[in-house]
Amino acid sequence: MLWTIFVILLVLWLVGLVSFHAIGAYIHILLVLALVVLLIQLISGRRPVV
């Protein structure tokens, strides 16, 4: 699920960067947030359910 959101944001960011500079900035911020969440998830890993 997180990878899907990451890919969608990446595509939207690239489209926004090429066509709309103002929208591209907002999508860039969302992409950075998605990267942070992705890194946190990769670092923490999956915890076993007790």
PDB file of N, CA and C in Angstrom:
ATOM      1  N   MET A   1       0.834  -1.195   0.000  1.00  0.00           N
ATOM      2  CA  MET A   1       0.000   0.000   0.000  1.00  0.00           C
ATOM      3  C   MET A   1       0.875   1.254   0.000  1.00  0.00           C
ATOM      4  N   LEU A   2       1.897   1.229   0.839  1.00  0.00           N
ATOM      5  CA  LEU A   2       2.766   2.401   0.929  1.00  0.00           C
ATOM      6  C   LEU A   2       3.546   2.598  -0.362  1.00  0.00           C
ATOM      7  N   TRP A   3       3.946   1.489  -0.991  1.00  0.00           N
ATOM      8  CA  TRP A   3       4.688   1.589  -2.249  1.00  0.00           C
ATOM      9  C   TRP A   3       3.804   2.178  -3.344  1.00  0.00           C
ATOM     10  N   THR A   4       2.511   1.840  -3.344  1.00  0.00           N
ATOM     11  CA  THR A   4       1.582   2.383  -4.335  1.00  0.00           C
ATOM     12  C   THR A   4       1.453   3.890  -4.170  1.00  0.00           C
ATOM     13  N   ILE A   5       1.303   4.338  -2.932  1.00  0.00           N
ATOM     14  CA  ILE A   5       1.207   5.773  -2.667  1.00  0.00           C
ATOM     15  C   ILE A   5       2.489   6.477  -3.085  1.00  0.00           C
ATOM     16  N   PHE A   6       3.625   5.847  -2.813  1.00  0.00           N
ATOM     17  CA  PHE A   6       4.913   6.422  -3.175  1.00  0.00           C
ATOM     18  C   PHE A   6       5.036   6.588  -4.685  1.00  0.00           C
ATOM     19  N   VAL A   7       4.650   5.574  -5.436  1.00  0.00           N
ATOM     20  CA  VAL A   7       4.744   5.645  -6.900  1.00  0.00           C
ATOM     21  C   VAL A   7       3.791   6.689  -7.451  1.00  0.00           C
ATOM     22  N   ILE A   8       2.575   6.748  -6.926  1.00  0.00           N
ATOM     23  CA  ILE A   8       1.606   7.748  -7.393  1.00  0.00           C
ATOM     24  C   ILE A   8       2.115   9.151  -7.123  1.00  0.00           C
ATOM     25  N   LEU A   9       2.648   9.389  -5.926  1.00  0.00           N
ATOM     26  CA  LEU A   9       3.181  10.713  -5.603  1.00  0.00           C
ATOM     27  C   LEU A   9       4.385  11.054  -6.466  1.00  0.00           C
ATOM     28  N   LEU A  10       5.206  10.065  -6.757  1.00  0.00           N
ATOM     29  CA  LEU A  10       6.367  10.306  -7.607  1.00  0.00           C
ATOM     30  C   LEU A  10       5.942  10.718  -9.007  1.00  0.00           C
ATOM     31  N   VAL A  11       4.955  10.031  -9.571  1.00  0.00           N
ATOM     32  CA  VAL A  11       4.466  10.375 -10.910  1.00  0.00           C
ATOM     33  C   VAL A  11       3.817  11.758 -10.907  1.00  0.00           C
ATOM     34  N   LEU A  12       2.991  12.030  -9.894  1.00  0.00           N
ATOM     35  CA  LEU A  12       2.343  13.341  -9.818  1.00  0.00           C
ATOM     36  C   LEU A  12       3.368  14.452  -9.642  1.00  0.00           C
ATOM     37  N   TRP A  13       4.417  14.174  -8.876  1.00  0.00           N
ATOM     38  CA  TRP A  13       5.458  15.173  -8.686  1.00  0.00           C
ATOM     39  C   TRP A  13       6.175  15.476  -9.987  1.00  0.00           C
ATOM     40  N   LEU A  14       6.493  14.427 -10.753  1.00  0.00           N
ATOM     41  CA  LEU A  14       7.168  14.638 -12.031  1.00  0.00           C
ATOM     42  C   LEU A  14       6.276  15.407 -13.004  1.00  0.00           C
ATOM     43  N   VAL A  15       4.978  15.082 -13.040  1.00  0.00           N
ATOM     44  CA  VAL A  15       4.049  15.816 -13.904  1.00  0.00           C
ATOM     45  C   VAL A  15       3.950  17.265 -13.451  1.00  0.00           C
ATOM     46  N   GLY A  16       3.844  17.479 -12.152  1.00  0.00           N
ATOM     47  CA  GLY A  16       3.745  18.841 -11.624  1.00  0.00           C
ATOM     48  C   GLY A  16       5.017  19.634 -11.844  1.00  0.00           C
ATOM     49  N   LEU A  17       6.145  18.969 -11.782  1.00  0.00           N
ATOM     50  CA  LEU A  17       7.421  19.653 -11.984  1.00  0.00           C
ATOM     51  C   LEU A  17       7.545  20.145 -13.418  1.00  0.00           C
ATOM     52  N   VAL A  18       7.028  19.367 -14.346  1.00  0.00           N
ATOM     53  CA  VAL A  18       7.117  19.724 -15.758  1.00  0.00           C
ATOM     54  C   VAL A  18       6.067  20.764 -16.139  1.00  0.00           C
ATOM     55  N   SER A  19       4.839  20.610 -15.627  1.00  0.00           N
ATOM     56  CA  SER A  19       3.756  21.461 -16.114  1.00  0.00           C
ATOM     57  C   SER A  19       3.364  22.595 -15.173  1.00  0.00           C
ATOM     58  N   PHE A  20       3.165  22.310 -13.919  1.00  0.00           N
ATOM     59  CA  PHE A  20       2.682  23.327 -12.977  1.00  0.00           C
ATOM     60  C   PHE A  20       3.686  23.499 -11.854  1.00  0.00           C
ATOM     61  N   HIS A  21       4.348  24.624 -11.823  1.00  0.00           N
ATOM     62  CA  HIS A  21       5.379  24.831 -10.807  1.00  0.00           C
ATOM     63  C   HIS A  21       4.783  24.974  -9.411  1.00  0.00           C
ATOM     64  N   ALA A  22       3.642  25.655  -9.293  1.00  0.00           N
ATOM     65  CA  ALA A  22       3.039  25.854  -7.968  1.00  0.00           C
ATOM     66  C   ALA A  22       2.530  24.526  -7.406  1.00  0.00           C
ATOM     67  N   ILE A  23       1.851  23.743  -8.223  1.00  0.00           N
ATOM     68  CA  ILE A  23       1.340  22.449  -7.762  1.00  0.00           C
ATOM     69  C   ILE A  23       2.498  21.489  -7.523  1.00  0.00           C
ATOM     70  N   GLY A  24       3.525  21.596  -8.327  1.00  0.00           N
ATOM     71  CA  GLY A  24       4.692  20.733  -8.172  1.00  0.00           C
ATOM     72  C   GLY A  24       5.354  20.905  -6.820  1.00  0.00           C
ATOM     73  N   ALA A  25       5.328  22.120  -6.290  1.00  0.00           N
ATOM     74  CA  ALA A  25       5.924  22.362  -4.970  1.00  0.00           C
ATOM     75  C   ALA A  25       5.155  21.617  -3.885  1.00  0.00           C
ATOM     76  N   TYR A  26       3.831  21.648  -3.947  1.00  0.00           N
ATOM     77  CA  TYR A  26       3.027  20.947  -2.952  1.00  0.00           C
ATOM     78  C   TYR A  26       3.196  19.433  -3.070  1.00  0.00           C
ATOM     79  N   ILE A  27       3.233  18.945  -4.289  1.00  0.00           N
ATOM     80  CA  ILE A  27       3.420  17.511  -4.491  1.00  0.00           C
ATOM     81  C   ILE A  27       4.824  17.106  -4.044  1.00  0.00           C
ATOM     82  N   HIS A  28       5.796  17.996  -4.214  1.00  0.00           N
ATOM     83  CA  HIS A  28       7.157  17.707  -3.759  1.00  0.00           C
ATOM     84  C   HIS A  28       7.180  17.548  -2.238  1.00  0.00           C
ATOM     85  N   ILE A  29       6.456  18.391  -1.545  1.00  0.00           N
ATOM     86  CA  ILE A  29       6.377  18.281  -0.086  1.00  0.00           C
ATOM     87  C   ILE A  29       5.737  16.953   0.308  1.00  0.00           C
ATOM     88  N   LEU A  30       4.667  16.562  -0.401  1.00  0.00           N
ATOM     89  CA  LEU A  30       4.023  15.283  -0.114  1.00  0.00           C
ATOM     90  C   LEU A  30       4.958  14.111  -0.408  1.00  0.00           C
ATOM     91  N   LEU A  31       5.749  14.235  -1.463  1.00  0.00           N
ATOM     92  CA  LEU A  31       6.699  13.183  -1.805  1.00  0.00           C
ATOM     93  C   LEU A  31       7.764  13.043  -0.726  1.00  0.00           C
ATOM     94  N   VAL A  32       8.243  14.149  -0.210  1.00  0.00           N
ATOM     95  CA  VAL A  32       9.229  14.098   0.867  1.00  0.00           C
ATOM     96  C   VAL A  32       8.625  13.453   2.112  1.00  0.00           C
ATOM     97  N   LEU A  33       7.382  13.780   2.413  1.00  0.00           N
ATOM     98  CA  LEU A  33       6.717  13.155   3.556  1.00  0.00           C
ATOM     99  C   LEU A  33       6.568  11.646   3.345  1.00  0.00           C
ATOM    100  N   ALA A  34       6.230  11.250   2.116  1.00  0.00           N
ATOM    101  CA  ALA A  34       6.104   9.825   1.815  1.00  0.00           C
ATOM    102  C   ALA A  34       7.444   9.118   1.966  1.00  0.00           C
ATOM    103  N   LEU A  35       8.527   9.773   1.556  1.00  0.00           N
ATOM    104  CA  LEU A  35       9.858   9.182   1.718  1.00  0.00           C
ATOM    105  C   LEU A  35      10.217   9.005   3.190  1.00  0.00           C
ATOM    106  N   VAL A  36       9.856   9.981   4.005  1.00  0.00           N
ATOM    107  CA  VAL A  36      10.134   9.898   5.437  1.00  0.00           C
ATOM    108  C   VAL A  36       9.368   8.723   6.048  1.00  0.00           C
ATOM    109  N   VAL A  37       8.097   8.592   5.695  1.00  0.00           N
ATOM    110  CA  VAL A  37       7.294   7.489   6.214  1.00  0.00           C
ATOM    111  C   VAL A  37       7.856   6.153   5.731  1.00  0.00           C
ATOM    112  N   LEU A  38       8.273   6.101   4.471  1.00  0.00           N
ATOM    113  CA  LEU A  38       8.854   4.882   3.924  1.00  0.00           C
ATOM    114  C   LEU A  38      10.130   4.500   4.659  1.00  0.00           C
ATOM    115  N   LEU A  39      10.989   5.472   4.921  1.00  0.00           N
ATOM    116  CA  LEU A  39      12.219   5.195   5.653  1.00  0.00           C
ATOM    117  C   LEU A  39      11.937   4.730   7.077  1.00  0.00           C
ATOM    118  N   ILE A  40      10.974   5.348   7.726  1.00  0.00           N
ATOM    119  CA  ILE A  40      10.621   4.944   9.090  1.00  0.00           C
ATOM    120  C   ILE A  40      10.106   3.514   9.095  1.00  0.00           C
ATOM    121  N   GLN A  41       9.299   3.165   8.089  1.00  0.00           N
ATOM    122  CA  GLN A  41       8.762   1.817   8.022  1.00  0.00           C
ATOM    123  C   GLN A  41       9.880   0.800   7.740  1.00  0.00           C
ATOM    124  N   LEU A  42      10.805   1.149   6.860  1.00  0.00           N
ATOM    125  CA  LEU A  42      11.897   0.225   6.559  1.00  0.00           C
ATOM    126  C   LEU A  42      12.842   0.045   7.739  1.00  0.00           C
ATOM    127  N   ILE A  43      13.094   1.130   8.466  1.00  0.00           N
ATOM    128  CA  ILE A  43      13.999   1.055   9.611  1.00  0.00           C
ATOM    129  C   ILE A  43      13.362   0.276  10.759  1.00  0.00           C
ATOM    130  N   SER A  44      12.099   0.552  11.041  1.00  0.00           N
ATOM    131  CA  SER A  44      11.437  -0.108  12.168  1.00  0.00           C
ATOM    132  C   SER A  44      11.110  -1.551  11.842  1.00  0.00           C
ATOM    133  N   GLY A  45      10.837  -1.862  10.585  1.00  0.00           N
ATOM    134  CA  GLY A  45      10.502  -3.223  10.200  1.00  0.00           C
ATOM    135  C   GLY A  45       9.130  -3.623  10.697  1.00  0.00           C
ATOM    136  N   ARG A  46       8.787  -4.859  10.399  1.00  0.00           N
ATOM    137  CA  ARG A  46       7.482  -5.366  10.856  1.00  0.00           C
ATOM    138  C   ARG A  46       7.643  -5.982  12.238  1.00  0.00           C
ATOM    139  N   ARG A  47       6.820  -5.535  13.139  1.00  0.00           N
ATOM    140  CA  ARG A  47       6.859  -6.080  14.488  1.00  0.00           C
ATOM    141  C   ARG A  47       5.896  -7.267  14.568  1.00  0.00           C
ATOM    142  N   PRO A  48       6.309  -8.319  15.244  1.00  0.00           N
ATOM    143  CA  PRO A  48       5.403  -9.479  15.359  1.00  0.00           C
ATOM    144  C   PRO A  48       4.195  -9.157  16.230  1.00  0.00           C
ATOM    145  N   VAL A  49       3.060  -9.696  15.840  1.00  0.00           N
ATOM    146  CA  VAL A  49       1.834  -9.479  16.609  1.00  0.00           C
ATOM    147  C   VAL A  49       1.847 -10.439  17.783  1.00  0.00           C
ATOM    148  N   VAL A  50       1.644  -9.889  18.990  1.00  0.00           N
ATOM    149  CA  VAL A  50       1.699 -10.714  20.196  1.00  0.00           C
ATOM    150  C   VAL A  50       0.308 -11.053  20.644  1.00  0.00           C
TER     151      VAL A  50
END
